Amino acid sequence: MKLTLSALTVFVAVAGVLSFVLLVVAIGTDFWYIIDASKWEYNSSIPLSSHSGIWRTCKFKSRCLPLLNSFGSINMNISDSERQLLNMHGTFVVLLPLSLILMLFGGMAGFLSILARAYMLLMMTGILFLFGALVTLAGVSVYVAYSAAAFKEAVCQVGRKALQDIDIRFGWSLALAWISFIAEVLTSIGFLLASRIVGLKRRQQQGI
């Protein structure tokens, strides 16, 4: 029993730290969405390729520019589709950092629950990590939907033919966010299993 609980303790520690670090790196880097227009750049001195994060967009071999502030553009004269894009951007900009905050609280609660071998605290920590994972999933899903809507808006403005020679894809920053989500779910499962082990051990001791 002690060996199993010890193994779970190591597992949740590694998975929890991995989840937090990966999401921090994902949020802090600018390779969520990559636009490769290298086929057009042979005849142009202006860099057309770019890569974007959740905060800014960067031209290759050039400086980065912040994305439009979603919360400061309420009274702007924009179309409904552009307003929808701003609302979606504001949503995942809030959800992803919120997931980091939940993981911080979950990590502190998890440390205390493991030290105290407290059944309820272990279970609540598992639920907190599961809720944080759902927040991460929601944030990443909104970003994917936002990217699809932004591409649709670009097609409406310039036409699909103008984009046919441009390679548009998701980048490794988004992949890190997905891996972070999986690690967060595994951390939640580990805490819930630990709470079950502690609960069973307590009932056995009471039975004796």
C-alpha atoms as a PDB file:
ATOM      1  CA  MET A   1       0.000   0.000   0.000  1.00  0.00           C
ATOM      2  CA  LYS A   2       2.792   2.389   0.933  1.00  0.00           C
ATOM      3  CA  LEU A   3       4.685   1.532  -2.246  1.00  0.00           C
ATOM      4  CA  THR A   4       1.615   2.221  -4.385  1.00  0.00           C
ATOM      5  CA  LEU A   5       0.956   5.538  -2.667  1.00  0.00           C
ATOM      6  CA  SER A   6       4.610   6.494  -2.984  1.00  0.00           C
ATOM      7  CA  ALA A   7       4.557   5.677  -6.681  1.00  0.00           C
ATOM      8  CA  LEU A   8       1.440   7.798  -7.135  1.00  0.00           C
ATOM      9  CA  THR A   9       3.089  10.646  -5.236  1.00  0.00           C
ATOM     10  CA  VAL A  10       6.021  10.650  -7.661  1.00  0.00           C
ATOM     11  CA  PHE A  11       3.664  10.314 -10.622  1.00  0.00           C
ATOM     12  CA  VAL A  12       1.433  13.269  -9.716  1.00  0.00           C
ATOM     13  CA  ALA A  13       4.470  15.423  -8.893  1.00  0.00           C
ATOM     14  CA  VAL A  14       6.087  14.757 -12.284  1.00  0.00           C
ATOM     15  CA  ALA A  15       2.839  15.037 -14.256  1.00  0.00           C
ATOM     16  CA  GLY A  16       1.754  18.194 -12.439  1.00  0.00           C
ATOM     17  CA  VAL A  17       5.072  19.991 -12.926  1.00  0.00           C
ATOM     18  CA  LEU A  18       5.213  18.863 -16.567  1.00  0.00           C
ATOM     19  CA  SER A  19       1.694  20.157 -17.204  1.00  0.00           C
ATOM     20  CA  PHE A  20       2.451  23.533 -15.635  1.00  0.00           C
ATOM     21  CA  VAL A  21       5.795  24.024 -17.398  1.00  0.00           C
ATOM     22  CA  LEU A  22       4.432  23.015 -20.806  1.00  0.00           C
ATOM     23  CA  LEU A  23       1.490  25.407 -20.534  1.00  0.00           C
ATOM     24  CA  VAL A  24       3.774  28.254 -19.414  1.00  0.00           C
ATOM     25  CA  VAL A  25       6.015  27.641 -22.438  1.00  0.00           C
ATOM     26  CA  ALA A  26       3.004  27.356 -24.750  1.00  0.00           C
ATOM     27  CA  ILE A  27       1.476  30.631 -23.528  1.00  0.00           C
ATOM     28  CA  GLY A  28       4.814  32.434 -23.638  1.00  0.00           C
ATOM     29  CA  THR A  29       5.823  31.408 -27.163  1.00  0.00           C
ATOM     30  CA  ASP A  30       4.524  32.579 -30.540  1.00  0.00           C
ATOM     31  CA  PHE A  31       4.190  29.413 -32.600  1.00  0.00           C
ATOM     32  CA  TRP A  32       0.531  28.578 -32.162  1.00  0.00           C
ATOM     33  CA  TYR A  33      -0.285  29.460 -35.779  1.00  0.00           C
ATOM     34  CA  ILE A  34       2.197  29.569 -38.660  1.00  0.00           C
ATOM     35  CA  ILE A  35       1.683  31.205 -42.069  1.00  0.00           C
ATOM     36  CA  ASP A  36       4.354  30.184 -44.568  1.00  0.00           C
ATOM     37  CA  ALA A  37       4.245  32.439 -47.642  1.00  0.00           C
ATOM     38  CA  SER A  38       7.780  31.619 -48.828  1.00  0.00           C
ATOM     39  CA  LYS A  39       6.524  30.922 -52.374  1.00  0.00           C
ATOM     40  CA  TRP A  40       5.449  34.565 -52.616  1.00  0.00           C
ATOM     41  CA  GLU A  41       8.582  36.007 -51.056  1.00  0.00           C
ATOM     42  CA  TYR A  42      10.832  35.256 -54.039  1.00  0.00           C
ATOM     43  CA  ASN A  43       9.388  38.275 -55.812  1.00  0.00           C
ATOM     44  CA  SER A  44       8.983  40.477 -52.742  1.00  0.00           C
ATOM     45  CA  SER A  45      11.415  42.206 -50.415  1.00  0.00           C
ATOM     46  CA  ILE A  46       8.723  42.361 -47.726  1.00  0.00           C
ATOM     47  CA  PRO A  47       8.524  39.368 -45.346  1.00  0.00           C
ATOM     48  CA  LEU A  48       5.082  37.814 -45.771  1.00  0.00           C
ATOM     49  CA  SER A  49       5.466  34.717 -43.593  1.00  0.00           C
ATOM     50  CA  SER A  50       4.494  35.017 -39.950  1.00  0.00           C
ATOM     51  CA  HIS A  51       3.903  33.063 -36.767  1.00  0.00           C
ATOM     52  CA  SER A  52       1.474  33.970 -34.006  1.00  0.00           C
ATOM     53  CA  GLY A  53       0.912  33.335 -30.320  1.00  0.00           C
ATOM     54  CA  ILE A  54      -2.022  34.216 -28.137  1.00  0.00           C
ATOM     55  CA  TRP A  55      -0.605  37.679 -27.398  1.00  0.00           C
ATOM     56  CA  ARG A  56       1.147  38.796 -30.588  1.00  0.00           C
ATOM     57  CA  THR A  57       2.049  38.012 -34.172  1.00  0.00           C
ATOM     58  CA  CYS A  58       5.572  38.015 -35.573  1.00  0.00           C
ATOM     59  CA  LYS A  59       6.958  38.410 -39.068  1.00  0.00           C
ATOM     60  CA  PHE A  60       9.896  36.135 -39.751  1.00  0.00           C
ATOM     61  CA  LYS A  61      13.178  38.090 -39.506  1.00  0.00           C
ATOM     62  CA  SER A  62      11.221  41.046 -38.169  1.00  0.00           C
ATOM     63  CA  ARG A  63       9.800  42.363 -34.906  1.00  0.00           C
ATOM     64  CA  CYS A  64       6.608  41.145 -33.255  1.00  0.00           C
ATOM     65  CA  LEU A  65       3.448  43.206 -32.898  1.00  0.00           C
ATOM     66  CA  PRO A  66       0.814  42.773 -30.177  1.00  0.00           C
ATOM     67  CA  LEU A  67      -2.587  41.528 -31.241  1.00  0.00           C
ATOM     68  CA  LEU A  68      -5.516  43.911 -30.980  1.00  0.00           C
ATOM     69  CA  ASN A  69      -6.711  44.370 -27.409  1.00  0.00           C
ATOM     70  CA  SER A  70      -9.969  42.431 -27.216  1.00  0.00           C
ATOM     71  CA  PHE A  71     -11.111  44.280 -24.097  1.00  0.00           C
ATOM     72  CA  GLY A  72     -10.366  47.795 -25.338  1.00  0.00           C
ATOM     73  CA  SER A  73     -12.277  47.588 -28.610  1.00  0.00           C
ATOM     74  CA  ILE A  74     -15.865  47.403 -27.378  1.00  0.00           C
ATOM     75  CA  ASN A  75     -16.895  50.699 -28.940  1.00  0.00           C
ATOM     76  CA  MET A  76     -14.947  50.262 -32.191  1.00  0.00           C
ATOM     77  CA  ASN A  77     -16.848  50.409 -35.456  1.00  0.00           C
ATOM     78  CA  ILE A  78     -16.234  46.864 -36.672  1.00  0.00           C
ATOM     79  CA  SER A  79     -18.244  44.156 -38.380  1.00  0.00           C
ATOM     80  CA  ASP A  80     -20.054  41.385 -36.545  1.00  0.00           C
ATOM     81  CA  SER A  81     -17.548  38.767 -37.736  1.00  0.00           C
ATOM     82  CA  GLU A  82     -14.622  40.890 -36.507  1.00  0.00           C
ATOM     83  CA  ARG A  83     -16.361  41.435 -33.182  1.00  0.00           C
ATOM     84  CA  GLN A  84     -16.853  37.670 -32.884  1.00  0.00           C
ATOM     85  CA  LEU A  85     -13.124  37.152 -33.476  1.00  0.00           C
ATOM     86  CA  LEU A  86     -12.290  39.684 -30.766  1.00  0.00           C
ATOM     87  CA  ASN A  87     -14.649  37.976 -28.313  1.00  0.00           C
ATOM     88  CA  MET A  88     -13.086  34.584 -29.044  1.00  0.00           C
ATOM     89  CA  HIS A  89      -9.596  36.045 -28.625  1.00  0.00           C
ATOM     90  CA  GLY A  90     -10.570  37.567 -25.286  1.00  0.00           C
ATOM     91  CA  THR A  91     -11.967  34.203 -24.180  1.00  0.00           C
ATOM     92  CA  PHE A  92      -8.850  32.079 -24.657  1.00  0.00           C
ATOM     93  CA  VAL A  93      -6.588  34.895 -23.429  1.00  0.00           C
ATOM     94  CA  VAL A  94      -8.466  34.630 -20.097  1.00  0.00           C
ATOM     95  CA  LEU A  95      -8.946  30.846 -19.948  1.00  0.00           C
ATOM     96  CA  LEU A  96      -5.358  29.724 -20.522  1.00  0.00           C
ATOM     97  CA  PRO A  97      -3.742  31.879 -17.794  1.00  0.00           C
ATOM     98  CA  LEU A  98      -6.648  30.922 -15.516  1.00  0.00           C
ATOM     99  CA  SER A  99      -5.668  27.286 -15.974  1.00  0.00           C
ATOM    100  CA  LEU A 100      -2.152  28.138 -14.782  1.00  0.00           C
ATOM    101  CA  ILE A 101      -3.582  29.772 -11.656  1.00  0.00           C
ATOM    102  CA  LEU A 102      -5.712  26.695 -10.960  1.00  0.00           C
ATOM    103  CA  MET A 103      -2.658  24.485 -11.333  1.00  0.00           C
ATOM    104  CA  LEU A 104      -0.733  26.632  -8.849  1.00  0.00           C
ATOM    105  CA  PHE A 105      -3.501  26.266  -6.249  1.00  0.00           C
ATOM    106  CA  GLY A 106      -3.776  22.571  -7.102  1.00  0.00           C
ATOM    107  CA  GLY A 107      -0.054  22.099  -6.608  1.00  0.00           C
ATOM    108  CA  MET A 108      -0.128  23.729  -3.158  1.00  0.00           C
ATOM    109  CA  ALA A 109      -3.203  21.739  -2.125  1.00  0.00           C
ATOM    110  CA  GLY A 110      -1.664  18.558  -3.495  1.00  0.00           C
ATOM    111  CA  PHE A 111       1.556  19.059  -1.544  1.00  0.00           C
ATOM    112  CA  LEU A 112      -0.373  19.502   1.702  1.00  0.00           C
ATOM    113  CA  SER A 113      -2.724  16.598   1.002  1.00  0.00           C
ATOM    114  CA  ILE A 114       0.135  14.195   0.296  1.00  0.00           C
ATOM    115  CA  LEU A 115       1.963  15.229   3.457  1.00  0.00           C
ATOM    116  CA  ALA A 116      -1.185  14.871   5.573  1.00  0.00           C
ATOM    117  CA  ARG A 117      -2.490  11.772   3.741  1.00  0.00           C
ATOM    118  CA  ALA A 118      -5.875  13.510   3.879  1.00  0.00           C
ATOM    119  CA  TYR A 119      -8.574  11.687   1.933  1.00  0.00           C
ATOM    120  CA  MET A 120     -10.871  14.665   1.291  1.00  0.00           C
ATOM    121  CA  LEU A 121      -8.036  17.026   0.410  1.00  0.00           C
ATOM    122  CA  LEU A 122      -6.578  14.511  -2.034  1.00  0.00           C
ATOM    123  CA  MET A 123      -9.965  14.085  -3.678  1.00  0.00           C
ATOM    124  CA  MET A 124     -10.587  17.834  -3.856  1.00  0.00           C
ATOM    125  CA  THR A 125      -7.126  18.335  -5.382  1.00  0.00           C
ATOM    126  CA  GLY A 126      -7.931  15.749  -8.031  1.00  0.00           C
ATOM    127  CA  ILE A 127     -11.199  17.528  -8.816  1.00  0.00           C
ATOM    128  CA  LEU A 128      -9.395  20.887  -8.956  1.00  0.00           C
ATOM    129  CA  PHE A 129      -6.866  19.550 -11.463  1.00  0.00           C
ATOM    130  CA  LEU A 130      -9.685  18.025 -13.494  1.00  0.00           C
ATOM    131  CA  PHE A 131     -11.478  21.388 -13.552  1.00  0.00           C
ATOM    132  CA  GLY A 132      -8.209  23.062 -14.569  1.00  0.00           C
ATOM    133  CA  ALA A 133      -7.820  20.533 -17.390  1.00  0.00           C
ATOM    134  CA  LEU A 134     -11.319  21.365 -18.621  1.00  0.00           C
ATOM    135  CA  VAL A 135     -10.413  25.076 -18.566  1.00  0.00           C
ATOM    136  CA  THR A 136      -7.282  24.317 -20.602  1.00  0.00           C
ATOM    137  CA  LEU A 137      -9.322  22.244 -23.045  1.00  0.00           C
ATOM    138  CA  ALA A 138     -11.857  25.051 -23.394  1.00  0.00           C
ATOM    139  CA  GLY A 139      -9.117  27.624 -24.013  1.00  0.00           C
ATOM    140  CA  VAL A 140      -7.335  25.517 -26.638  1.00  0.00           C
ATOM    141  CA  SER A 141     -10.639  24.604 -28.319  1.00  0.00           C
ATOM    142  CA  VAL A 142     -11.659  28.261 -28.526  1.00  0.00           C
ATOM    143  CA  TYR A 143      -8.256  29.073 -30.045  1.00  0.00           C
ATOM    144  CA  VAL A 144      -8.719  26.392 -32.722  1.00  0.00           C
ATOM    145  CA  ALA A 145     -12.210  27.744 -33.480  1.00  0.00           C
ATOM    146  CA  TYR A 146     -10.805  31.291 -33.523  1.00  0.00           C
ATOM    147  CA  SER A 147      -8.138  30.277 -36.055  1.00  0.00           C
ATOM    148  CA  ALA A 148     -10.744  28.652 -38.297  1.00  0.00           C
ATOM    149  CA  ALA A 149     -12.951  31.751 -38.093  1.00  0.00           C
ATOM    150  CA  ALA A 150      -9.974  34.040 -38.830  1.00  0.00           C
ATOM    151  CA  PHE A 151      -9.099  31.949 -41.898  1.00  0.00           C
ATOM    152  CA  LYS A 152     -12.701  32.118 -43.079  1.00  0.00           C
ATOM    153  CA  GLU A 153     -12.649  35.901 -42.659  1.00  0.00           C
ATOM    154  CA  ALA A 154      -9.401  36.111 -44.646  1.00  0.00           C
ATOM    155  CA  VAL A 155     -10.938  34.027 -47.456  1.00  0.00           C
ATOM    156  CA  CYS A 156     -13.923  36.389 -47.576  1.00  0.00           C
ATOM    157  CA  GLN A 157     -11.631  39.424 -47.845  1.00  0.00           C
ATOM    158  CA  VAL A 158      -8.964  38.260 -50.334  1.00  0.00           C
ATOM    159  CA  GLY A 159     -10.471  35.117 -51.882  1.00  0.00           C
ATOM    160  CA  ARG A 160      -9.413  31.488 -51.632  1.00  0.00           C
ATOM    161  CA  LYS A 161      -7.276  31.669 -54.786  1.00  0.00           C
ATOM    162  CA  ALA A 162      -4.974  34.248 -53.203  1.00  0.00           C
ATOM    163  CA  LEU A 163      -4.293  31.861 -50.308  1.00  0.00           C
ATOM    164  CA  GLN A 164      -3.758  28.666 -52.288  1.00  0.00           C
ATOM    165  CA  ASP A 165       0.047  28.989 -52.378  1.00  0.00           C
ATOM    166  CA  ILE A 166       0.292  29.820 -48.670  1.00  0.00           C
ATOM    167  CA  ASP A 167       0.975  27.038 -46.171  1.00  0.00           C
ATOM    168  CA  ILE A 168      -1.114  27.643 -43.038  1.00  0.00           C
ATOM    169  CA  ARG A 169      -0.768  25.273 -40.081  1.00  0.00           C
ATOM    170  CA  PHE A 170      -0.795  25.045 -36.308  1.00  0.00           C
ATOM    171  CA  GLY A 171       2.575  25.158 -34.594  1.00  0.00           C
ATOM    172  CA  TRP A 172       4.413  23.463 -31.752  1.00  0.00           C
ATOM    173  CA  SER A 173       3.168  25.914 -29.114  1.00  0.00           C
ATOM    174  CA  LEU A 174      -0.354  24.563 -29.593  1.00  0.00           C
ATOM    175  CA  ALA A 175       0.995  20.998 -29.437  1.00  0.00           C
ATOM    176  CA  LEU A 176       2.577  21.797 -26.050  1.00  0.00           C
ATOM    177  CA  ALA A 177      -0.783  23.083 -24.796  1.00  0.00           C
ATOM    178  CA  TRP A 178      -2.456  19.807 -25.822  1.00  0.00           C
ATOM    179  CA  ILE A 179       0.245  17.760 -24.055  1.00  0.00           C
ATOM    180  CA  SER A 180      -0.191  19.975 -20.983  1.00  0.00           C
ATOM    181  CA  PHE A 181      -3.909  19.197 -21.004  1.00  0.00           C
ATOM    182  CA  ILE A 182      -3.216  15.446 -21.114  1.00  0.00           C
ATOM    183  CA  ALA A 183      -0.679  15.710 -18.279  1.00  0.00           C
ATOM    184  CA  GLU A 184      -3.199  17.716 -16.246  1.00  0.00           C
ATOM    185  CA  VAL A 185      -5.835  15.004 -16.680  1.00  0.00           C
ATOM    186  CA  LEU A 186      -3.312  12.351 -15.631  1.00  0.00           C
ATOM    187  CA  THR A 187      -2.428  14.427 -12.559  1.00  0.00           C
ATOM    188  CA  SER A 188      -6.107  14.586 -11.635  1.00  0.00           C
ATOM    189  CA  ILE A 189      -6.480  10.813 -12.026  1.00  0.00           C
ATOM    190  CA  GLY A 190      -3.376  10.265  -9.892  1.00  0.00           C
ATOM    191  CA  PHE A 191      -4.748  12.366  -7.019  1.00  0.00           C
ATOM    192  CA  LEU A 192      -8.141  10.657  -7.208  1.00  0.00           C
ATOM    193  CA  LEU A 193      -6.469   7.232  -7.081  1.00  0.00           C
ATOM    194  CA  ALA A 194      -4.342   8.377  -4.142  1.00  0.00           C
ATOM    195  CA  SER A 195      -7.479   9.504  -2.301  1.00  0.00           C
ATOM    196  CA  ARG A 196      -9.030   6.089  -2.918  1.00  0.00           C
ATOM    197  CA  ILE A 197      -5.954   4.305  -1.542  1.00  0.00           C
ATOM    198  CA  VAL A 198      -5.920   6.513   1.565  1.00  0.00           C
ATOM    199  CA  GLY A 199      -9.663   5.954   2.053  1.00  0.00           C
ATOM    200  CA  LEU A 200      -9.330   2.170   1.765  1.00  0.00           C
ATOM    201  CA  LYS A 201      -6.407   2.140   4.173  1.00  0.00           C
ATOM    202  CA  ARG A 202      -8.371   4.230   6.687  1.00  0.00           C
ATOM    203  CA  ARG A 203     -11.358   1.864   6.511  1.00  0.00           C
ATOM    204  CA  GLN A 204      -9.063  -1.131   7.023  1.00  0.00           C
ATOM    205  CA  GLN A 205      -7.545   0.487  10.112  1.00  0.00           C
ATOM    206  CA  GLN A 206     -10.995   1.304  11.486  1.00  0.00           C
ATOM    207  CA  GLY A 207     -12.069  -2.282  10.843  1.00  0.00           C
ATOM    208  CA  ILE A 208      -9.145  -3.572  12.836  1.00  0.00           C
END
